[in-house]
Amino acid sequence: MALIRQAGSIRAERESRHGYRNVISRILAGSAHGCAGLTVRLLTIKPDGKLPRTEFDFQRVVTVLQGELLFMDGDGSTHMVGEGDVIIIRPYERHHFQNDSSSLARIIISETRGRA
């Protein structure tokens, strides 16, 4: 049976942890909701916001919903990504996002834990 999470039941936005700047995070779906091995997050990156350059042992798929961001891939190359763009980040690929614009950016991050 499908689980429908009404907008009011999703935890309120909150500032992200250390190393993030001007980033608000919401977990839309995860293990607490019966999603074994999958987490889906909505991040709002304010102007001058950034996510730290990091890597994970799982795959991430990032979809840009709004705005424009600078993305640095595992080779250190930078790319401007915008609304509708999808970035597939392989396990152990160091990456980074930052918002150099004067507008909000929003991204959905889907993370798979387990075999990529």
N, C-alpha and C. Protein backbone atom coordinates (compact mmCIF):
# COMPACT_ATOMS: atom_id res chain seq x y z
N MET A 1 0.84 -1.18 0.00
CA MET A 1 0.00 0.00 0.00
C MET A 1 0.89 1.25 0.00
N ALA A 2 0.54 2.20 -0.79
CA ALA A 2 1.31 3.45 -0.88
C ALA A 2 1.16 4.26 0.40
N LEU A 3 2.18 4.99 0.73
CA LEU A 3 2.15 5.90 1.87
C LEU A 3 2.12 7.32 1.32
N ILE A 4 1.13 8.07 1.71
CA ILE A 4 1.03 9.46 1.29
C ILE A 4 1.36 10.32 2.49
N ARG A 5 2.39 11.14 2.34
CA ARG A 5 2.78 12.06 3.41
C ARG A 5 2.25 13.44 3.05
N GLN A 6 1.25 13.87 3.78
CA GLN A 6 0.69 15.20 3.57
C GLN A 6 1.74 16.24 3.94
N ALA A 7 1.76 17.37 3.24
CA ALA A 7 2.77 18.41 3.45
C ALA A 7 2.89 18.78 4.93
N GLY A 8 1.79 18.84 5.64
CA GLY A 8 1.83 19.22 7.06
C GLY A 8 2.49 18.19 7.95
N SER A 9 2.65 16.95 7.47
CA SER A 9 3.27 15.91 8.30
C SER A 9 4.78 15.81 8.10
N ILE A 10 5.30 16.53 7.10
CA ILE A 10 6.74 16.50 6.84
C ILE A 10 7.41 17.49 7.79
N ARG A 11 8.48 17.04 8.44
CA ARG A 11 9.10 17.89 9.45
C ARG A 11 9.46 19.25 8.88
N ALA A 12 9.39 20.23 9.73
CA ALA A 12 9.68 21.60 9.31
C ALA A 12 11.11 21.70 8.80
N GLU A 13 11.32 22.70 7.96
CA GLU A 13 12.67 22.94 7.46
C GLU A 13 13.58 23.29 8.63
N ARG A 14 14.85 22.94 8.48
CA ARG A 14 15.82 23.32 9.51
C ARG A 14 17.18 23.52 8.87
N GLU A 15 17.98 24.33 9.54
CA GLU A 15 19.33 24.59 9.04
C GLU A 15 20.10 23.28 9.00
N SER A 16 20.89 23.12 7.97
CA SER A 16 21.71 21.92 7.84
C SER A 16 22.90 21.97 8.78
N ARG A 17 23.54 20.85 8.91
CA ARG A 17 24.62 20.69 9.88
C ARG A 17 25.89 21.45 9.52
N HIS A 18 26.88 21.29 10.36
CA HIS A 18 28.16 21.98 10.23
C HIS A 18 28.77 21.79 8.83
N GLY A 19 29.35 22.85 8.29
CA GLY A 19 29.97 22.79 6.97
C GLY A 19 29.06 23.29 5.86
N TYR A 20 27.78 23.38 6.15
CA TYR A 20 26.82 23.92 5.19
C TYR A 20 26.61 25.39 5.54
N ARG A 21 26.37 26.23 4.53
CA ARG A 21 26.11 27.64 4.79
C ARG A 21 24.84 28.04 4.05
N ASN A 22 23.90 28.62 4.79
CA ASN A 22 22.65 29.11 4.21
C ASN A 22 21.89 28.02 3.46
N VAL A 23 21.82 26.84 4.06
CA VAL A 23 21.12 25.70 3.45
C VAL A 23 20.05 25.22 4.43
N ILE A 24 18.84 25.09 3.92
CA ILE A 24 17.71 24.58 4.70
C ILE A 24 17.36 23.19 4.15
N SER A 25 17.13 22.24 5.05
CA SER A 25 16.92 20.85 4.63
C SER A 25 15.60 20.30 5.16
N ARG A 26 14.97 19.46 4.33
CA ARG A 26 13.80 18.69 4.76
C ARG A 26 13.95 17.27 4.23
N ILE A 27 13.72 16.29 5.07
CA ILE A 27 13.69 14.91 4.61
C ILE A 27 12.26 14.61 4.19
N LEU A 28 12.09 14.28 2.91
CA LEU A 28 10.76 13.99 2.38
C LEU A 28 10.40 12.52 2.55
N ALA A 29 11.38 11.65 2.42
CA ALA A 29 11.16 10.21 2.57
C ALA A 29 12.47 9.57 3.00
N GLY A 30 12.36 8.56 3.84
CA GLY A 30 13.55 7.86 4.32
C GLY A 30 13.16 6.60 5.05
N SER A 31 14.12 6.04 5.76
CA SER A 31 13.88 4.76 6.44
C SER A 31 12.74 4.85 7.45
N ALA A 32 12.55 5.99 8.08
CA ALA A 32 11.46 6.16 9.04
C ALA A 32 10.09 6.08 8.37
N HIS A 33 10.07 6.16 7.04
CA HIS A 33 8.82 6.12 6.29
C HIS A 33 8.69 4.85 5.46
N GLY A 34 9.54 3.86 5.77
CA GLY A 34 9.47 2.58 5.08
C GLY A 34 10.27 2.52 3.79
N CYS A 35 11.13 3.50 3.56
CA CYS A 35 11.96 3.52 2.35
C CYS A 35 13.32 2.88 2.67
N ALA A 36 13.38 1.59 2.58
CA ALA A 36 14.63 0.88 2.87
C ALA A 36 15.66 1.21 1.80
N GLY A 37 16.78 1.77 2.22
CA GLY A 37 17.87 2.05 1.29
C GLY A 37 17.71 3.31 0.46
N LEU A 38 16.68 4.11 0.72
CA LEU A 38 16.46 5.33 -0.07
C LEU A 38 16.12 6.49 0.85
N THR A 39 16.77 7.63 0.61
CA THR A 39 16.43 8.87 1.30
C THR A 39 16.23 9.95 0.25
N VAL A 40 15.18 10.74 0.41
CA VAL A 40 14.90 11.84 -0.50
C VAL A 40 14.84 13.11 0.33
N ARG A 41 15.67 14.10 -0.05
CA ARG A 41 15.75 15.36 0.67
C ARG A 41 15.42 16.52 -0.26
N LEU A 42 14.84 17.56 0.32
CA LEU A 42 14.63 18.82 -0.38
C LEU A 42 15.55 19.83 0.29
N LEU A 43 16.46 20.41 -0.48
CA LEU A 43 17.36 21.43 0.05
C LEU A 43 17.04 22.76 -0.59
N THR A 44 16.96 23.79 0.23
CA THR A 44 16.84 25.16 -0.23
C THR A 44 18.17 25.82 0.05
N ILE A 45 18.82 26.31 -0.99
CA ILE A 45 20.13 26.94 -0.85
C ILE A 45 19.93 28.43 -1.08
N LYS A 46 20.11 29.19 -0.04
CA LYS A 46 19.92 30.63 -0.11
C LYS A 46 21.08 31.27 -0.88
N PRO A 47 20.92 32.53 -1.29
CA PRO A 47 22.04 33.23 -1.92
C PRO A 47 23.28 33.16 -1.03
N ASP A 48 24.44 32.95 -1.64
CA ASP A 48 25.72 32.78 -0.95
C ASP A 48 25.76 31.48 -0.13
N GLY A 49 24.83 30.56 -0.41
CA GLY A 49 24.81 29.29 0.30
C GLY A 49 25.72 28.27 -0.36
N LYS A 50 26.14 27.28 0.42
CA LYS A 50 27.00 26.22 -0.14
C LYS A 50 26.86 24.95 0.66
N LEU A 51 27.11 23.85 -0.04
CA LEU A 51 27.24 22.54 0.58
C LEU A 51 28.73 22.23 0.57
N PRO A 52 29.25 21.60 1.62
CA PRO A 52 30.69 21.34 1.65
C PRO A 52 31.10 20.33 0.57
N ARG A 53 32.35 20.42 0.14
CA ARG A 53 32.89 19.45 -0.82
C ARG A 53 33.08 18.15 -0.05
N THR A 54 32.35 17.14 -0.46
CA THR A 54 32.35 15.89 0.29
C THR A 54 32.09 14.72 -0.64
N GLU A 55 32.19 13.53 -0.10
CA GLU A 55 31.89 12.31 -0.84
C GLU A 55 31.16 11.35 0.09
N PHE A 56 30.42 10.45 -0.52
CA PHE A 56 29.65 9.47 0.24
C PHE A 56 29.89 8.09 -0.36
N ASP A 57 29.59 7.05 0.40
CA ASP A 57 29.77 5.68 -0.09
C ASP A 57 28.52 5.16 -0.79
N PHE A 58 27.66 6.06 -1.22
CA PHE A 58 26.44 5.68 -1.93
C PHE A 58 26.20 6.65 -3.07
N GLN A 59 25.33 6.25 -3.97
CA GLN A 59 25.00 7.06 -5.14
C GLN A 59 23.97 8.13 -4.79
N ARG A 60 24.08 9.30 -5.44
CA ARG A 60 23.11 10.39 -5.27
C ARG A 60 22.63 10.83 -6.64
N VAL A 61 21.35 11.14 -6.73
CA VAL A 61 20.79 11.75 -7.93
C VAL A 61 20.19 13.08 -7.48
N VAL A 62 20.66 14.16 -8.09
CA VAL A 62 20.25 15.50 -7.70
C VAL A 62 19.46 16.12 -8.86
N THR A 63 18.28 16.65 -8.56
CA THR A 63 17.46 17.34 -9.54
C THR A 63 17.31 18.78 -9.10
N VAL A 64 17.63 19.71 -9.99
CA VAL A 64 17.49 21.13 -9.69
C VAL A 64 16.05 21.53 -9.98
N LEU A 65 15.34 21.98 -8.96
CA LEU A 65 13.94 22.39 -9.10
C LEU A 65 13.80 23.87 -9.40
N GLN A 66 14.73 24.66 -8.85
CA GLN A 66 14.61 26.11 -8.97
C GLN A 66 15.99 26.72 -8.87
N GLY A 67 16.23 27.78 -9.61
CA GLY A 67 17.46 28.54 -9.50
C GLY A 67 18.61 27.95 -10.28
N GLU A 68 19.79 28.44 -9.95
CA GLU A 68 21.00 28.06 -10.64
C GLU A 68 22.10 27.87 -9.61
N LEU A 69 22.90 26.82 -9.78
CA LEU A 69 23.97 26.50 -8.84
C LEU A 69 25.26 26.19 -9.57
N LEU A 70 26.36 26.44 -8.91
CA LEU A 70 27.66 25.99 -9.38
C LEU A 70 27.87 24.60 -8.79
N PHE A 71 28.18 23.63 -9.63
CA PHE A 71 28.44 22.25 -9.21
C PHE A 71 29.87 21.91 -9.56
N MET A 72 30.62 21.39 -8.59
CA MET A 72 31.97 20.91 -8.84
C MET A 72 31.95 19.39 -8.75
N ASP A 73 32.41 18.73 -9.83
CA ASP A 73 32.37 17.27 -9.88
C ASP A 73 33.65 16.66 -9.30
N GLY A 74 33.73 15.36 -9.38
CA GLY A 74 34.85 14.62 -8.79
C GLY A 74 36.20 14.92 -9.40
N ASP A 75 36.21 15.43 -10.64
CA ASP A 75 37.47 15.80 -11.29
C ASP A 75 37.87 17.23 -10.98
N GLY A 76 37.03 17.96 -10.25
CA GLY A 76 37.31 19.37 -9.94
C GLY A 76 36.81 20.32 -11.01
N SER A 77 36.12 19.80 -12.02
CA SER A 77 35.53 20.65 -13.06
C SER A 77 34.26 21.28 -12.51
N THR A 78 34.00 22.54 -12.89
CA THR A 78 32.80 23.22 -12.42
C THR A 78 31.80 23.34 -13.57
N HIS A 79 30.54 23.29 -13.20
CA HIS A 79 29.43 23.33 -14.15
C HIS A 79 28.32 24.18 -13.57
N MET A 80 27.69 25.02 -14.39
CA MET A 80 26.49 25.73 -13.95
C MET A 80 25.31 24.79 -14.24
N VAL A 81 24.50 24.56 -13.23
CA VAL A 81 23.33 23.70 -13.39
C VAL A 81 22.10 24.53 -13.02
N GLY A 82 20.99 24.26 -13.70
CA GLY A 82 19.79 25.03 -13.47
C GLY A 82 18.55 24.17 -13.52
N GLU A 83 17.42 24.82 -13.41
CA GLU A 83 16.12 24.17 -13.33
C GLU A 83 15.97 23.06 -14.36
N GLY A 84 15.61 21.87 -13.87
CA GLY A 84 15.40 20.71 -14.73
C GLY A 84 16.62 19.84 -14.93
N ASP A 85 17.81 20.36 -14.59
CA ASP A 85 19.03 19.56 -14.76
C ASP A 85 19.09 18.45 -13.71
N VAL A 86 19.65 17.32 -14.10
CA VAL A 86 19.81 16.16 -13.22
C VAL A 86 21.29 15.81 -13.17
N ILE A 87 21.82 15.61 -11.96
CA ILE A 87 23.23 15.27 -11.76
C ILE A 87 23.27 13.91 -11.08
N ILE A 88 23.97 12.96 -11.69
CA ILE A 88 24.15 11.63 -11.10
C ILE A 88 25.55 11.58 -10.53
N ILE A 89 25.64 11.38 -9.22
CA ILE A 89 26.91 11.40 -8.51
C ILE A 89 27.20 9.98 -8.03
N ARG A 90 28.29 9.44 -8.51
CA ARG A 90 28.67 8.06 -8.18
C ARG A 90 29.22 7.98 -6.75
N PRO A 91 29.19 6.79 -6.17
CA PRO A 91 29.77 6.62 -4.84
C PRO A 91 31.24 7.06 -4.84
N TYR A 92 31.64 7.71 -3.77
CA TYR A 92 33.01 8.18 -3.52
C TYR A 92 33.45 9.30 -4.45
N GLU A 93 32.54 9.93 -5.17
CA GLU A 93 32.89 11.07 -6.01
C GLU A 93 32.73 12.35 -5.17
N ARG A 94 33.85 13.03 -4.95
CA ARG A 94 33.80 14.30 -4.19
C ARG A 94 33.06 15.33 -5.03
N HIS A 95 32.16 16.04 -4.40
CA HIS A 95 31.38 17.02 -5.12
C HIS A 95 30.99 18.18 -4.21
N HIS A 96 30.48 19.23 -4.83
CA HIS A 96 30.20 20.47 -4.10
C HIS A 96 29.16 21.28 -4.86
N PHE A 97 28.27 21.94 -4.14
CA PHE A 97 27.31 22.86 -4.73
C PHE A 97 27.43 24.21 -4.03
N GLN A 98 27.26 25.29 -4.78
CA GLN A 98 27.16 26.61 -4.16
C GLN A 98 26.26 27.51 -4.99
N ASN A 99 25.63 28.45 -4.29
CA ASN A 99 24.71 29.38 -4.93
C ASN A 99 25.36 30.76 -4.94
N ASP A 100 25.86 31.16 -6.08
CA ASP A 100 26.50 32.47 -6.23
C ASP A 100 25.51 33.53 -6.72
N SER A 101 24.26 33.17 -6.88
CA SER A 101 23.26 34.11 -7.40
C SER A 101 22.59 34.87 -6.25
N SER A 102 21.69 35.75 -6.60
CA SER A 102 20.93 36.51 -5.60
C SER A 102 19.54 35.90 -5.38
N SER A 103 19.30 34.71 -5.92
CA SER A 103 18.00 34.04 -5.82
C SER A 103 18.14 32.70 -5.11
N LEU A 104 17.04 32.23 -4.55
CA LEU A 104 17.02 30.90 -3.94
C LEU A 104 17.21 29.82 -5.00
N ALA A 105 17.80 28.72 -4.58
CA ALA A 105 17.86 27.52 -5.41
C ALA A 105 17.28 26.38 -4.58
N ARG A 106 16.60 25.47 -5.25
CA ARG A 106 16.04 24.30 -4.57
C ARG A 106 16.43 23.06 -5.36
N ILE A 107 16.86 22.04 -4.62
CA ILE A 107 17.22 20.77 -5.23
C ILE A 107 16.58 19.62 -4.45
N ILE A 108 16.32 18.56 -5.17
CA ILE A 108 15.90 17.29 -4.56
C ILE A 108 17.11 16.35 -4.66
N ILE A 109 17.47 15.74 -3.55
CA ILE A 109 18.55 14.77 -3.54
C ILE A 109 17.97 13.41 -3.18
N SER A 110 18.15 12.43 -4.07
CA SER A 110 17.75 11.05 -3.81
C SER A 110 19.03 10.26 -3.59
N GLU A 111 19.10 9.57 -2.48
CA GLU A 111 20.30 8.81 -2.13
C GLU A 111 19.96 7.34 -1.99
N THR A 112 20.77 6.51 -2.61
CA THR A 112 20.56 5.07 -2.49
C THR A 112 21.66 4.48 -1.63
N ARG A 113 21.25 3.77 -0.64
CA ARG A 113 22.21 3.11 0.25
C ARG A 113 22.19 1.62 -0.10
N GLY A 114 23.34 1.08 -0.36
CA GLY A 114 23.41 -0.30 -0.80
C GLY A 114 24.10 -0.35 -2.14
N ARG A 115 23.84 -1.35 -2.89
CA ARG A 115 24.52 -1.51 -4.20
C ARG A 115 24.13 -0.39 -5.14
N ALA A 116 25.13 0.26 -5.72
CA ALA A 116 24.89 1.35 -6.69
C ALA A 116 25.08 0.83 -8.08
